N, C-alpha and C. Protein backbone atom coordinates (compact mmCIF):
# COMPACT_ATOMS: atom_id res chain seq x y z
N MET A 1 -66.21 -53.79 -21.58
CA MET A 1 -65.43 -53.74 -22.79
C MET A 1 -65.14 -55.17 -23.24
N SER A 2 -65.19 -55.41 -24.51
CA SER A 2 -64.87 -56.72 -25.04
C SER A 2 -63.75 -56.60 -26.07
N ILE A 3 -63.05 -57.69 -26.26
CA ILE A 3 -61.92 -57.73 -27.18
C ILE A 3 -62.16 -58.85 -28.18
N LYS A 4 -61.93 -58.57 -29.43
CA LYS A 4 -62.02 -59.61 -30.45
C LYS A 4 -60.69 -60.37 -30.46
N THR A 5 -60.80 -61.67 -30.60
CA THR A 5 -59.59 -62.49 -30.66
C THR A 5 -59.86 -63.68 -31.57
N CYS A 6 -58.84 -64.36 -31.92
CA CYS A 6 -58.95 -65.53 -32.78
C CYS A 6 -58.40 -66.73 -32.02
N ILE A 7 -59.18 -67.81 -31.96
CA ILE A 7 -58.72 -69.02 -31.30
C ILE A 7 -58.92 -70.20 -32.24
N ASN A 8 -58.15 -71.23 -32.05
CA ASN A 8 -58.29 -72.47 -32.82
C ASN A 8 -58.81 -73.56 -31.90
N ILE A 9 -59.94 -74.14 -32.27
CA ILE A 9 -60.49 -75.27 -31.53
C ILE A 9 -60.94 -76.31 -32.54
N SER A 10 -61.11 -77.52 -32.07
CA SER A 10 -61.54 -78.58 -32.97
C SER A 10 -62.98 -78.33 -33.45
N GLU A 11 -63.27 -78.80 -34.64
CA GLU A 11 -64.60 -78.59 -35.22
C GLU A 11 -65.69 -79.27 -34.39
N ASP A 12 -65.40 -80.46 -33.88
CA ASP A 12 -66.41 -81.16 -33.08
C ASP A 12 -66.73 -80.42 -31.79
N LEU A 13 -65.73 -79.81 -31.17
CA LEU A 13 -65.96 -79.02 -29.95
C LEU A 13 -66.79 -77.78 -30.28
N PHE A 14 -66.47 -77.13 -31.38
CA PHE A 14 -67.23 -75.96 -31.81
C PHE A 14 -68.69 -76.33 -32.07
N ASN A 15 -68.91 -77.41 -32.81
CA ASN A 15 -70.28 -77.84 -33.13
C ASN A 15 -71.07 -78.19 -31.89
N GLU A 16 -70.42 -78.84 -30.94
CA GLU A 16 -71.10 -79.19 -29.69
C GLU A 16 -71.50 -77.93 -28.92
N ALA A 17 -70.62 -76.96 -28.88
CA ALA A 17 -70.93 -75.70 -28.19
C ALA A 17 -72.05 -74.96 -28.89
N LYS A 18 -72.06 -74.96 -30.20
CA LYS A 18 -73.10 -74.26 -30.97
C LYS A 18 -74.48 -74.90 -30.76
N LYS A 19 -74.50 -76.21 -30.45
CA LYS A 19 -75.77 -76.87 -30.16
C LYS A 19 -76.39 -76.34 -28.86
N LEU A 20 -75.53 -75.94 -27.94
CA LEU A 20 -76.00 -75.44 -26.64
C LEU A 20 -76.38 -73.97 -26.67
N SER A 21 -75.73 -73.21 -27.54
CA SER A 21 -75.98 -71.77 -27.57
C SER A 21 -75.64 -71.22 -28.94
N ASP A 22 -76.45 -70.25 -29.38
CA ASP A 22 -76.15 -69.58 -30.65
C ASP A 22 -75.06 -68.52 -30.47
N ASN A 23 -74.76 -68.16 -29.23
CA ASN A 23 -73.76 -67.14 -28.95
C ASN A 23 -72.47 -67.83 -28.50
N PHE A 24 -71.63 -68.17 -29.46
CA PHE A 24 -70.39 -68.88 -29.16
C PHE A 24 -69.47 -68.07 -28.25
N SER A 25 -69.44 -66.77 -28.45
CA SER A 25 -68.59 -65.91 -27.62
C SER A 25 -68.95 -66.01 -26.15
N SER A 26 -70.25 -66.04 -25.85
CA SER A 26 -70.66 -66.14 -24.45
C SER A 26 -70.31 -67.51 -23.87
N VAL A 27 -70.37 -68.55 -24.69
CA VAL A 27 -69.98 -69.89 -24.23
C VAL A 27 -68.50 -69.90 -23.86
N VAL A 28 -67.68 -69.34 -24.72
CA VAL A 28 -66.23 -69.29 -24.47
C VAL A 28 -65.94 -68.44 -23.24
N ALA A 29 -66.60 -67.28 -23.12
CA ALA A 29 -66.38 -66.40 -21.98
C ALA A 29 -66.77 -67.10 -20.68
N GLU A 30 -67.91 -67.79 -20.68
CA GLU A 30 -68.35 -68.50 -19.48
C GLU A 30 -67.37 -69.61 -19.11
N ALA A 31 -66.92 -70.34 -20.11
CA ALA A 31 -65.95 -71.42 -19.86
C ALA A 31 -64.64 -70.87 -19.31
N LEU A 32 -64.19 -69.74 -19.84
CA LEU A 32 -62.95 -69.13 -19.37
C LEU A 32 -63.09 -68.61 -17.94
N ARG A 33 -64.25 -68.01 -17.63
CA ARG A 33 -64.49 -67.56 -16.25
C ARG A 33 -64.43 -68.73 -15.28
N GLU A 34 -65.07 -69.83 -15.65
CA GLU A 34 -65.06 -71.01 -14.78
C GLU A 34 -63.65 -71.58 -14.63
N TYR A 35 -62.90 -71.62 -15.71
CA TYR A 35 -61.51 -72.10 -15.66
C TYR A 35 -60.68 -71.24 -14.72
N LEU A 36 -60.80 -69.91 -14.86
CA LEU A 36 -60.04 -68.99 -14.01
C LEU A 36 -60.45 -69.12 -12.55
N ARG A 37 -61.75 -69.28 -12.29
CA ARG A 37 -62.23 -69.45 -10.92
C ARG A 37 -61.61 -70.70 -10.30
N LYS A 38 -61.59 -71.80 -11.05
CA LYS A 38 -61.01 -73.05 -10.55
C LYS A 38 -59.52 -72.90 -10.27
N LYS A 39 -58.81 -72.21 -11.16
CA LYS A 39 -57.37 -71.99 -10.95
C LYS A 39 -57.11 -71.16 -9.70
N LYS A 40 -57.95 -70.14 -9.46
CA LYS A 40 -57.79 -69.31 -8.26
C LYS A 40 -58.04 -70.13 -7.00
N VAL A 41 -59.04 -70.99 -7.04
CA VAL A 41 -59.34 -71.85 -5.90
C VAL A 41 -58.17 -72.80 -5.65
N GLN A 42 -57.64 -73.40 -6.72
CA GLN A 42 -56.49 -74.30 -6.58
C GLN A 42 -55.29 -73.57 -5.97
N LYS A 43 -55.06 -72.35 -6.42
CA LYS A 43 -53.94 -71.57 -5.90
C LYS A 43 -54.13 -71.28 -4.42
N ALA A 44 -55.35 -70.90 -4.05
CA ALA A 44 -55.63 -70.62 -2.64
C ALA A 44 -55.45 -71.87 -1.79
N LEU A 45 -55.97 -72.99 -2.27
CA LEU A 45 -55.86 -74.24 -1.51
C LEU A 45 -54.40 -74.68 -1.37
N SER A 46 -53.61 -74.45 -2.39
CA SER A 46 -52.20 -74.87 -2.32
C SER A 46 -51.41 -74.01 -1.34
N SER A 47 -51.91 -72.81 -1.03
CA SER A 47 -51.18 -71.95 -0.10
C SER A 47 -51.48 -72.29 1.36
N PHE A 48 -52.54 -73.06 1.62
CA PHE A 48 -52.85 -73.43 3.00
C PHE A 48 -51.68 -74.22 3.59
N GLY A 49 -51.34 -73.91 4.80
CA GLY A 49 -50.26 -74.61 5.48
C GLY A 49 -48.91 -73.96 5.27
N SER A 50 -48.82 -72.96 4.42
CA SER A 50 -47.53 -72.31 4.17
C SER A 50 -46.96 -71.69 5.44
N TRP A 51 -47.82 -71.16 6.29
CA TRP A 51 -47.36 -70.53 7.53
C TRP A 51 -46.91 -71.55 8.55
N GLU A 52 -47.34 -72.79 8.41
CA GLU A 52 -46.96 -73.82 9.39
C GLU A 52 -45.45 -74.07 9.39
N LYS A 53 -44.78 -73.81 8.29
CA LYS A 53 -43.35 -74.10 8.15
C LYS A 53 -42.48 -73.00 8.76
N ARG A 54 -43.08 -71.94 9.23
CA ARG A 54 -42.32 -70.83 9.78
C ARG A 54 -42.05 -71.05 11.28
N ASP A 55 -40.95 -70.45 11.75
CA ASP A 55 -40.56 -70.58 13.16
C ASP A 55 -41.47 -69.78 14.08
N LYS A 56 -41.99 -68.66 13.58
CA LYS A 56 -42.80 -67.76 14.41
C LYS A 56 -44.25 -67.79 13.92
N SER A 57 -45.15 -67.42 14.82
CA SER A 57 -46.55 -67.31 14.41
C SER A 57 -46.73 -66.05 13.57
N SER A 58 -47.78 -66.02 12.78
CA SER A 58 -48.03 -64.85 11.94
C SER A 58 -48.26 -63.61 12.80
N ALA A 59 -48.91 -63.76 13.94
CA ALA A 59 -49.16 -62.62 14.84
C ALA A 59 -47.83 -62.06 15.35
N ASP A 60 -46.89 -62.94 15.72
CA ASP A 60 -45.57 -62.48 16.18
C ASP A 60 -44.83 -61.74 15.08
N MET A 61 -44.91 -62.24 13.85
CA MET A 61 -44.23 -61.59 12.73
C MET A 61 -44.81 -60.20 12.47
N VAL A 62 -46.13 -60.08 12.51
CA VAL A 62 -46.77 -58.78 12.29
C VAL A 62 -46.40 -57.82 13.41
N ASN A 63 -46.42 -58.28 14.64
CA ASN A 63 -46.05 -57.42 15.77
C ASN A 63 -44.61 -56.95 15.66
N GLU A 64 -43.70 -57.80 15.20
CA GLU A 64 -42.30 -57.40 15.01
C GLU A 64 -42.20 -56.31 13.94
N MET A 65 -42.93 -56.46 12.85
CA MET A 65 -42.89 -55.44 11.79
C MET A 65 -43.44 -54.12 12.29
N ARG A 66 -44.44 -54.16 13.14
CA ARG A 66 -45.02 -52.93 13.67
C ARG A 66 -44.06 -52.20 14.60
N LYS A 67 -43.14 -52.92 15.21
CA LYS A 67 -42.18 -52.31 16.13
C LYS A 67 -41.04 -51.63 15.40
N GLU A 68 -40.82 -51.95 14.12
CA GLU A 68 -39.71 -51.36 13.39
C GLU A 68 -39.89 -49.85 13.29
N ASP A 69 -38.83 -49.12 13.56
CA ASP A 69 -38.87 -47.65 13.57
C ASP A 69 -39.16 -47.07 12.19
N THR A 70 -38.69 -47.72 11.15
CA THR A 70 -38.85 -47.16 9.80
C THR A 70 -40.25 -47.37 9.23
N ARG A 71 -41.03 -48.22 9.83
CA ARG A 71 -42.38 -48.47 9.33
C ARG A 71 -43.39 -47.71 10.16
N ARG A 72 -44.47 -47.34 9.55
CA ARG A 72 -45.51 -46.57 10.24
C ARG A 72 -46.82 -47.36 10.22
N TYR A 73 -46.85 -48.37 11.03
CA TYR A 73 -48.06 -49.17 11.16
C TYR A 73 -48.92 -48.65 12.30
N ALA A 74 -50.18 -48.92 12.24
CA ALA A 74 -51.09 -48.51 13.32
C ALA A 74 -50.67 -49.22 14.60
N ASP A 75 -50.71 -48.48 15.70
CA ASP A 75 -50.36 -49.07 16.99
C ASP A 75 -51.59 -49.78 17.54
N ARG A 76 -51.56 -51.08 17.56
CA ARG A 76 -52.71 -51.86 18.00
C ARG A 76 -52.57 -52.31 19.46
N HIS A 77 -51.56 -51.79 20.15
CA HIS A 77 -51.34 -52.17 21.55
C HIS A 77 -51.95 -51.19 22.51
N ARG A 78 -52.65 -50.18 22.06
CA ARG A 78 -53.24 -49.15 22.94
C ARG A 78 -54.52 -49.65 23.54
């Protein structure tokens, strides 16, 4: 599914893109996909090390949650 939208860009940027492709929509879509991919990578990279600041290891935290009576996690200690 595609959506029509209106964007404002500089004329020189538009002309440069049109030189590369007659399908401006596909150029914009490709550029947006690449932008979103880069942002997702940046977000993932910025989350590295977040667990280092915790007092307990991630395995200990998961095991504690599995022991809670109100939760129904798979028993991985069998």
